[in-house]
N, C-alpha and C. Protein backbone atom coordinates (compact mmCIF):
# COMPACT_ATOMS: atom_id res chain seq x y z
N MET A 1 203.70 40.03 136.63
CA MET A 1 204.54 39.12 135.87
C MET A 1 203.78 38.81 134.58
N THR A 2 204.47 38.92 133.50
CA THR A 2 203.91 38.56 132.20
C THR A 2 204.77 37.48 131.58
N ILE A 3 204.14 36.42 131.19
CA ILE A 3 204.84 35.30 130.56
C ILE A 3 204.34 35.22 129.11
N GLU A 4 205.26 35.34 128.18
CA GLU A 4 204.90 35.24 126.78
C GLU A 4 205.20 33.80 126.32
N ASP A 5 204.18 33.17 125.77
CA ASP A 5 204.31 31.75 125.34
C ASP A 5 203.54 31.61 124.02
N PRO A 6 204.04 32.21 122.95
CA PRO A 6 203.28 32.18 121.68
C PRO A 6 203.02 30.82 121.12
N ASN A 7 203.83 29.83 121.44
CA ASN A 7 203.62 28.47 120.95
C ASN A 7 202.83 27.62 121.92
N GLN A 8 202.39 28.20 123.03
CA GLN A 8 201.65 27.50 124.09
C GLN A 8 202.36 26.21 124.53
N ALA A 9 203.67 26.34 124.77
CA ALA A 9 204.46 25.21 125.18
C ALA A 9 204.36 24.96 126.70
N MET A 10 204.09 26.03 127.46
CA MET A 10 204.03 25.88 128.90
C MET A 10 202.68 25.31 129.31
N LYS A 11 202.73 24.50 130.33
CA LYS A 11 201.51 23.89 130.89
C LYS A 11 201.49 24.17 132.41
N ILE A 12 200.31 24.19 132.97
CA ILE A 12 200.16 24.29 134.41
C ILE A 12 199.63 22.95 134.92
N TYR A 13 200.30 22.43 135.94
CA TYR A 13 199.90 21.14 136.50
C TYR A 13 199.31 21.43 137.89
N HIS A 14 198.19 20.79 138.17
CA HIS A 14 197.48 20.97 139.42
C HIS A 14 197.82 19.79 140.36
N ASP A 15 198.42 20.09 141.53
CA ASP A 15 198.86 19.05 142.43
C ASP A 15 198.03 19.12 143.71
N PRO A 16 197.08 18.17 143.91
CA PRO A 16 196.25 18.15 145.12
C PRO A 16 196.90 17.43 146.28
N ASN A 17 198.03 16.76 146.07
CA ASN A 17 198.69 15.97 147.11
C ASN A 17 199.66 16.85 147.89
N THR A 18 199.11 17.74 148.74
CA THR A 18 199.95 18.69 149.49
C THR A 18 199.72 18.52 150.97
N SER A 19 200.68 18.97 151.80
CA SER A 19 200.54 18.88 153.25
C SER A 19 199.41 19.77 153.76
N SER A 20 199.20 20.91 153.09
CA SER A 20 198.15 21.84 153.56
C SER A 20 196.75 21.40 153.13
N GLY A 21 196.65 20.52 152.11
CA GLY A 21 195.36 20.12 151.61
C GLY A 21 194.87 21.04 150.50
N ASN A 22 195.61 22.11 150.24
CA ASN A 22 195.27 23.02 149.12
C ASN A 22 195.91 22.54 147.84
N ILE A 23 195.23 22.71 146.72
CA ILE A 23 195.81 22.39 145.43
C ILE A 23 196.79 23.46 145.08
N ILE A 24 198.02 23.07 144.66
CA ILE A 24 198.97 24.05 144.14
C ILE A 24 199.05 23.88 142.62
N HIS A 25 199.44 24.96 141.98
CA HIS A 25 199.50 24.98 140.51
C HIS A 25 200.99 25.14 140.15
N LEU A 26 201.54 24.13 139.56
CA LEU A 26 202.95 24.15 139.20
C LEU A 26 203.13 24.52 137.75
N GLY A 27 204.06 25.43 137.52
CA GLY A 27 204.35 25.83 136.15
C GLY A 27 205.30 24.85 135.49
N HIS A 28 205.32 24.92 134.17
CA HIS A 28 206.16 24.11 133.35
C HIS A 28 207.63 24.17 133.75
N SER A 29 208.27 23.13 133.91
CA SER A 29 209.71 22.98 133.97
C SER A 29 210.41 22.89 135.30
N PRO A 30 210.03 23.22 136.42
CA PRO A 30 209.09 24.22 136.88
C PRO A 30 209.68 25.67 136.88
N LEU A 31 208.94 26.59 136.41
CA LEU A 31 209.38 28.00 136.40
C LEU A 31 208.82 28.73 137.61
N PHE A 32 207.60 28.33 138.00
CA PHE A 32 206.94 29.04 139.12
C PHE A 32 205.88 28.17 139.74
N THR A 33 205.42 28.57 140.93
CA THR A 33 204.33 27.90 141.61
C THR A 33 203.30 28.94 141.98
N LEU A 34 202.05 28.59 141.84
CA LEU A 34 200.91 29.43 142.25
C LEU A 34 200.17 28.76 143.39
N SER A 35 199.65 29.56 144.32
CA SER A 35 198.93 29.00 145.47
C SER A 35 197.66 29.78 145.70
N PRO A 36 196.56 29.09 146.00
CA PRO A 36 195.27 29.79 146.30
C PRO A 36 195.35 30.63 147.60
N LYS A 37 196.34 30.35 148.44
CA LYS A 37 196.51 31.12 149.68
C LYS A 37 197.00 32.52 149.43
N VAL A 38 197.69 32.74 148.29
CA VAL A 38 198.23 34.06 147.98
C VAL A 38 197.88 34.41 146.55
N PRO A 39 196.58 34.69 146.28
CA PRO A 39 196.19 35.01 144.92
C PRO A 39 196.95 36.24 144.39
N GLY A 40 197.29 36.19 143.11
CA GLY A 40 197.98 37.30 142.52
C GLY A 40 199.50 37.24 142.68
N LYS A 41 200.02 36.22 143.35
CA LYS A 41 201.46 36.09 143.55
C LYS A 41 201.93 34.79 142.92
N ALA A 42 203.16 34.80 142.43
CA ALA A 42 203.80 33.60 141.90
C ALA A 42 205.15 33.43 142.57
N TYR A 43 205.51 32.20 142.92
CA TYR A 43 206.80 31.90 143.48
C TYR A 43 207.70 31.47 142.36
N LEU A 44 208.66 32.30 142.00
CA LEU A 44 209.60 31.97 140.92
C LEU A 44 210.69 31.07 141.48
N LYS A 45 211.10 30.08 140.69
CA LYS A 45 212.10 29.11 141.12
C LYS A 45 213.51 29.76 141.09
N ALA A 46 214.27 29.49 142.11
CA ALA A 46 215.60 30.10 142.26
C ALA A 46 216.55 29.73 141.09
N ALA A 47 216.36 28.61 140.49
CA ALA A 47 217.23 28.20 139.40
C ALA A 47 217.16 29.11 138.16
N LEU A 48 216.18 30.00 138.13
CA LEU A 48 216.07 30.96 137.05
C LEU A 48 217.11 32.08 137.11
N PHE A 49 217.69 32.27 138.32
CA PHE A 49 218.56 33.41 138.56
C PHE A 49 220.02 33.01 138.60
N ASP A 50 220.91 33.93 138.22
CA ASP A 50 222.33 33.64 138.24
C ASP A 50 222.88 33.58 139.67
N SER A 51 222.36 34.38 140.56
CA SER A 51 222.80 34.35 141.97
C SER A 51 221.56 34.34 142.85
N VAL A 52 221.65 33.65 143.96
CA VAL A 52 220.50 33.49 144.86
C VAL A 52 220.89 33.90 146.28
N SER A 53 220.02 34.66 146.94
CA SER A 53 220.28 35.07 148.31
C SER A 53 220.13 33.89 149.27
N LYS A 54 220.72 34.00 150.44
CA LYS A 54 220.56 32.98 151.47
C LYS A 54 219.10 33.07 151.95
N PRO A 55 218.52 31.90 152.35
CA PRO A 55 217.12 31.91 152.78
C PRO A 55 216.95 32.70 154.08
N GLU A 56 215.81 33.42 154.18
CA GLU A 56 215.50 34.17 155.40
C GLU A 56 214.63 33.34 156.34
N SER A 57 213.97 32.33 155.79
CA SER A 57 213.12 31.45 156.59
C SER A 57 213.05 30.12 155.88
N VAL A 58 212.59 29.12 156.65
CA VAL A 58 212.49 27.75 156.13
C VAL A 58 211.04 27.27 156.37
N PHE A 59 210.42 26.77 155.33
CA PHE A 59 209.08 26.20 155.43
C PHE A 59 209.20 24.69 155.23
N PHE A 60 208.42 23.92 155.96
CA PHE A 60 208.41 22.48 155.88
C PHE A 60 209.83 21.89 156.10
N GLY A 61 210.58 22.48 157.04
CA GLY A 61 211.93 22.00 157.35
C GLY A 61 211.94 20.55 157.82
N ASP A 62 210.84 20.14 158.45
CA ASP A 62 210.76 18.78 158.93
C ASP A 62 210.67 17.77 157.79
N LYS A 63 210.36 18.26 156.56
CA LYS A 63 210.26 17.35 155.42
C LYS A 63 211.51 17.34 154.56
N ARG A 64 212.52 18.11 154.93
CA ARG A 64 213.73 18.17 154.11
C ARG A 64 214.46 16.83 154.14
N GLU A 65 215.18 16.57 153.08
CA GLU A 65 216.00 15.37 153.03
C GLU A 65 217.21 15.54 153.96
N GLU A 66 217.69 14.45 154.51
CA GLU A 66 218.80 14.50 155.47
C GLU A 66 220.06 15.12 154.86
N TRP A 67 220.27 14.92 153.58
CA TRP A 67 221.47 15.42 152.92
C TRP A 67 221.39 16.91 152.58
N VAL A 68 220.25 17.54 152.81
CA VAL A 68 220.09 18.97 152.51
C VAL A 68 220.44 19.78 153.76
N SER A 69 221.28 20.76 153.60
CA SER A 69 221.65 21.63 154.70
C SER A 69 221.15 23.03 154.39
N ILE A 70 220.37 23.60 155.30
CA ILE A 70 219.82 24.93 155.13
C ILE A 70 220.23 25.78 156.34
N SER A 71 220.87 26.92 156.02
CA SER A 71 221.28 27.83 157.07
C SER A 71 220.56 29.13 156.89
N THR A 72 219.87 29.64 157.93
CA THR A 72 219.18 30.90 157.81
C THR A 72 219.93 32.04 158.46
N ALA A 73 221.15 31.78 158.92
CA ALA A 73 221.93 32.82 159.60
C ALA A 73 222.77 33.62 158.59
């Protein structure tokens, strides 16, 4: 993944307040998330895409808000 930011408008925010205890690195706006558990990979935010697939798995489902409905079927 290559991100071009000639005006250096994007910032990376380091969030140490996580359930895993690992610091995550959040991209501007947010566009993506980086994790030390998976070096070399970036999690792109679904809002960047015109259409999004149904989830194949759920992480931290116990932390979801009651009004959120997630179906993996």
